Protein backbone atom coordinates (compact mmCIF):
# COMPACT_ATOMS: atom_id res chain seq x y z
CA UNK A 1 -9.42 -39.69 25.61
CA UNK A 2 -8.30 -37.13 23.06
CA UNK A 3 -4.86 -35.75 22.19
CA UNK A 4 -4.94 -32.14 21.42
CA UNK A 5 -1.82 -30.93 19.66
CA UNK A 6 0.19 -27.79 20.63
CA UNK A 7 -1.19 -25.82 17.62
CA UNK A 8 -4.85 -26.88 18.21
CA UNK A 9 -7.76 -26.03 20.58
CA UNK A 10 -10.42 -28.49 21.53
CA UNK A 11 -14.05 -27.34 21.62
CA UNK A 12 -16.05 -29.52 24.07
CA UNK A 13 -19.84 -29.99 23.67
CA UNK A 14 -22.11 -31.75 26.15
CA UNK A 15 -25.17 -33.14 24.44
CA UNK A 16 -24.66 -30.73 21.59
CA UNK A 17 -24.27 -27.63 23.79
CA UNK A 18 -21.00 -25.78 24.13
CA UNK A 19 -19.19 -26.57 27.32
CA UNK A 20 -15.58 -25.27 27.33
CA UNK A 21 -12.41 -24.87 25.34
CA UNK A 22 -9.65 -27.50 26.04
CA UNK A 23 -6.02 -26.50 25.83
CA UNK A 24 -3.36 -28.73 24.12
CA UNK A 25 -2.53 -31.97 25.89
CA UNK A 26 -4.01 -35.33 26.75
CA UNK A 27 -7.71 -34.77 27.44
CA UNK A 28 -10.54 -36.84 28.80
CA UNK A 29 -13.72 -36.77 26.69
CA UNK A 30 -16.56 -38.84 28.00
CA UNK A 31 -18.18 -40.81 25.23
CA UNK A 32 -21.87 -40.51 24.34
CA UNK A 33 -22.37 -37.23 26.32
CA UNK A 34 -19.31 -35.27 25.19
CA UNK A 35 -17.88 -34.46 21.81
CA UNK A 36 -14.67 -32.66 20.94
CA UNK A 37 -14.25 -30.54 17.84
CA UNK A 38 -10.59 -29.79 17.03
CA UNK A 39 -9.72 -26.31 15.69
CA UNK A 40 -6.30 -25.52 14.14
CA UNK A 41 -5.06 -22.27 15.82
CA UNK A 42 -1.95 -21.83 13.55
CA UNK A 43 -1.45 -18.86 11.16
CA UNK A 44 -3.12 -19.70 7.81
CA UNK A 45 -2.71 -18.01 4.40
CA UNK A 46 -5.49 -17.57 1.86
CA UNK A 47 -4.79 -16.57 -1.67
CA UNK A 48 -7.80 -14.73 -2.99
CA UNK A 49 -9.27 -15.37 -6.35
CA UNK A 50 -8.17 -12.83 -8.99
CA UNK A 51 -10.65 -10.15 -9.47
CA UNK A 52 -11.15 -7.48 -12.09
CA UNK A 53 -11.74 -3.93 -10.84
CA UNK A 54 -12.28 -0.74 -12.67
CA UNK A 55 -10.23 2.14 -11.20
CA UNK A 56 -11.60 5.67 -10.67
CA UNK A 57 -10.02 6.67 -13.99
CA UNK A 58 -11.74 3.84 -15.88
CA UNK A 59 -8.70 1.51 -16.16
CA UNK A 60 -9.31 -2.27 -15.92
CA UNK A 61 -7.11 -3.89 -13.26
CA UNK A 62 -6.64 -7.58 -12.35
CA UNK A 63 -5.83 -7.80 -8.57
CA UNK A 64 -4.11 -10.51 -6.73
CA UNK A 65 -4.03 -10.56 -2.89
CA UNK A 66 -3.21 -12.81 0.02
CA UNK A 67 -4.58 -12.82 3.55
CA UNK A 68 -2.96 -14.25 6.61
CA UNK A 69 -5.34 -15.17 9.43
CA UNK A 70 -5.87 -17.43 12.37
CA UNK A 71 -8.69 -18.52 14.57
CA UNK A 72 -9.18 -16.27 17.52
CA UNK A 73 -12.27 -17.78 19.01
CA UNK A 74 -12.79 -21.50 18.39
CA UNK A 75 -16.35 -21.51 19.87
CA UNK A 76 -17.49 -18.76 17.52
CA UNK A 77 -15.89 -20.54 14.57
CA UNK A 78 -17.57 -23.86 15.35
CA UNK A 79 -20.98 -22.31 16.07
CA UNK A 80 -21.15 -19.56 13.38
CA UNK A 81 -18.82 -20.31 10.49
CA UNK A 82 -18.59 -23.57 8.54
CA UNK A 83 -16.06 -22.32 5.95
CA UNK A 84 -13.70 -19.57 7.39
CA UNK A 85 -11.77 -19.34 4.12
CA UNK A 86 -14.94 -18.47 2.20
CA UNK A 87 -15.77 -15.71 4.75
CA UNK A 88 -12.24 -14.32 4.39
CA UNK A 89 -12.45 -14.49 0.60
CA UNK A 90 -15.79 -12.65 0.36
CA UNK A 91 -15.07 -9.95 2.92
CA UNK A 92 -11.59 -8.99 1.78
CA UNK A 93 -12.52 -9.05 -1.91
CA UNK A 94 -15.46 -6.62 -1.25
CA UNK A 95 -13.13 -4.28 0.71
CA UNK A 96 -10.50 -4.38 -2.06
CA UNK A 97 -13.14 -3.53 -4.72
CA UNK A 98 -14.67 -0.67 -2.70
CA UNK A 99 -11.20 0.86 -2.01
CA UNK A 100 -9.40 0.53 -5.31
CA UNK A 101 -12.49 1.51 -7.43
CA UNK A 102 -12.47 4.90 -5.70
CA UNK A 103 -8.82 5.66 -6.60
CA UNK A 104 -6.94 6.32 -9.77
CA UNK A 105 -4.30 3.91 -11.17
CA UNK A 106 -1.57 6.18 -10.10
CA UNK A 107 -2.95 6.50 -6.56
CA UNK A 108 -3.24 2.73 -6.40
CA UNK A 109 0.36 2.04 -7.41
CA UNK A 110 1.79 4.69 -5.09
CA UNK A 111 -0.37 3.84 -2.04
CA UNK A 112 -0.44 -0.01 -2.40
CA UNK A 113 1.00 -0.58 1.13
CA UNK A 114 -1.34 2.07 2.64
CA UNK A 115 -4.38 0.36 1.05
CA UNK A 116 -3.23 -3.06 2.29
CA UNK A 117 -3.16 -1.58 5.83
CA UNK A 118 -6.56 -0.03 5.36
CA UNK A 119 -8.06 -3.32 4.38
CA UNK A 120 -6.32 -5.00 7.32
CA UNK A 121 -7.89 -2.47 9.68
CA UNK A 122 -11.41 -3.00 8.29
CA UNK A 123 -10.93 -6.83 8.70
CA UNK A 124 -10.88 -6.38 12.42
CA UNK A 125 -14.69 -6.75 12.25
CA UNK A 126 -14.23 -10.44 11.43
CA UNK A 127 -13.45 -11.04 15.14
CA UNK A 128 -17.12 -11.47 15.63
CA UNK A 129 -16.76 -14.60 13.49
CA UNK A 130 -13.98 -16.05 15.55
CA UNK A 131 -11.25 -14.94 12.96
CA UNK A 132 -8.35 -12.62 13.35
CA UNK A 133 -6.73 -11.21 10.20
CA UNK A 134 -2.99 -10.69 10.81
CA UNK A 135 -1.97 -9.21 7.44
CA UNK A 136 -3.37 -8.41 4.01
CA UNK A 137 -0.99 -8.06 0.99
CA UNK A 138 -1.95 -6.77 -2.38
CA UNK A 139 0.46 -9.01 -4.21
CA UNK A 140 0.10 -7.99 -7.81
CA UNK A 141 -1.88 -5.42 -9.79
CA UNK A 142 -1.86 -5.98 -13.55
CA UNK A 143 -3.08 -3.84 -16.47
CA UNK A 144 -2.49 -3.52 -20.21
CA UNK A 145 0.88 -2.86 -21.58
CA UNK A 146 -0.46 0.14 -23.44
CA UNK A 147 -1.24 1.73 -20.05
CA UNK A 148 2.41 1.11 -18.96
CA UNK A 149 3.67 2.80 -22.16
CA UNK A 150 1.38 5.75 -21.69
CA UNK A 151 2.51 6.17 -18.10
CA UNK A 152 6.11 6.01 -19.15
CA UNK A 153 5.54 8.87 -21.75
CA UNK A 154 3.85 10.97 -19.09
CA UNK A 155 6.80 10.43 -16.71
CA UNK A 156 9.23 11.27 -19.59
CA UNK A 157 7.30 14.44 -20.40
CA UNK A 158 7.23 15.55 -16.67
CA UNK A 159 10.96 14.93 -16.39
CA UNK A 160 11.59 17.11 -19.49
CA UNK A 161 9.31 19.82 -18.16
CA UNK A 162 11.12 19.86 -14.87
CA UNK A 163 14.49 20.12 -16.66
CA UNK A 164 13.30 23.05 -18.73
CA UNK A 165 11.90 24.70 -15.63
CA UNK A 166 15.21 24.40 -13.79
CA UNK A 167 17.14 25.73 -16.86
CA UNK A 168 14.75 28.75 -17.14
CA UNK A 169 15.07 29.41 -13.33
CA UNK A 170 18.92 29.40 -13.70
CA UNK A 171 18.77 31.79 -16.69
CA UNK A 172 16.65 34.20 -14.61
CA UNK A 173 18.92 34.06 -11.67
CA UNK A 174 21.91 34.77 -14.06
CA UNK A 175 20.09 37.76 -15.54
CA UNK A 176 19.28 39.18 -12.13
CA UNK A 177 22.89 38.93 -11.13
CA UNK A 178 24.05 40.75 -14.29
CA UNK A 179 21.46 43.51 -13.72
CA UNK A 180 22.55 43.80 -10.10
CA UNK A 181 26.25 44.10 -11.18
CA UNK A 182 25.35 46.75 -13.85
CA UNK A 183 23.46 48.81 -11.25
CA UNK A 184 26.38 48.68 -8.93
CA UNK A 185 28.83 49.81 -11.56
CA UNK A 186 26.49 52.62 -12.69
CA UNK A 187 26.44 54.12 -9.22
CA UNK A 188 30.05 53.62 -8.20
CA UNK A 189 32.50 56.38 -9.30
CA UNK A 190 35.55 54.27 -8.78
CA UNK A 191 34.09 51.52 -10.99
CA UNK A 192 33.24 54.13 -13.62
CA UNK A 193 36.78 55.47 -13.62
CA UNK A 194 38.22 51.93 -13.97
CA UNK A 195 35.95 51.32 -16.92
CA UNK A 196 37.17 54.65 -18.56
CA UNK A 197 40.79 53.66 -18.08
CA UNK A 198 40.02 50.33 -19.61
CA UNK A 199 38.47 52.01 -22.75
CA UNK A 200 41.53 54.31 -23.06
CA UNK A 201 43.79 51.38 -22.87
CA UNK A 202 41.92 49.61 -25.59
CA UNK A 203 42.09 52.68 -27.83
CA UNK A 204 45.86 53.04 -27.21
CA UNK A 205 46.39 49.44 -28.19
CA UNK A 206 44.46 49.91 -31.46
CA UNK A 207 46.58 52.90 -32.38
């Protein structure tokens, strides 16, 4: 007899050959001719080893990532994979390196969630190994403090440039309005007469 817990699957072999998958419960396993391999079907997490990656703009990055996965096919896992965590580590690290090395630091920081989803999508191919990746998180991306300061200066310069641009646009709009008003006065007899009266009034005050 064999007790298979709720979060487990039992892989039954007869004389070393796969026979069937046993669901959780109290199961009969005939000795000598049958063996039962227990597979944990719960959601697992695997923190990947930190790896150094050179971005497209030649900046050295240290990337931390975590992968959440579970066993989707116990038979495949038992027959093909001895260490599922090693398969997860190697596959996802290769995908992270391929993706991030083809993007600049700015693109990586802005699109971190998007890249996590792209890595997750590519991990669907692991189903052939009896594994299903549920989620990939790029937890942390570290780089030198000098890079942080340089990026802050670039952001500050861009903010100043935008402020100057807005101010210049405002001055242009004001000048256009003044010019429009001047043209209207020049072609309006009533406005010209009002201006003449204003000048005469100023002369009278001065006398």
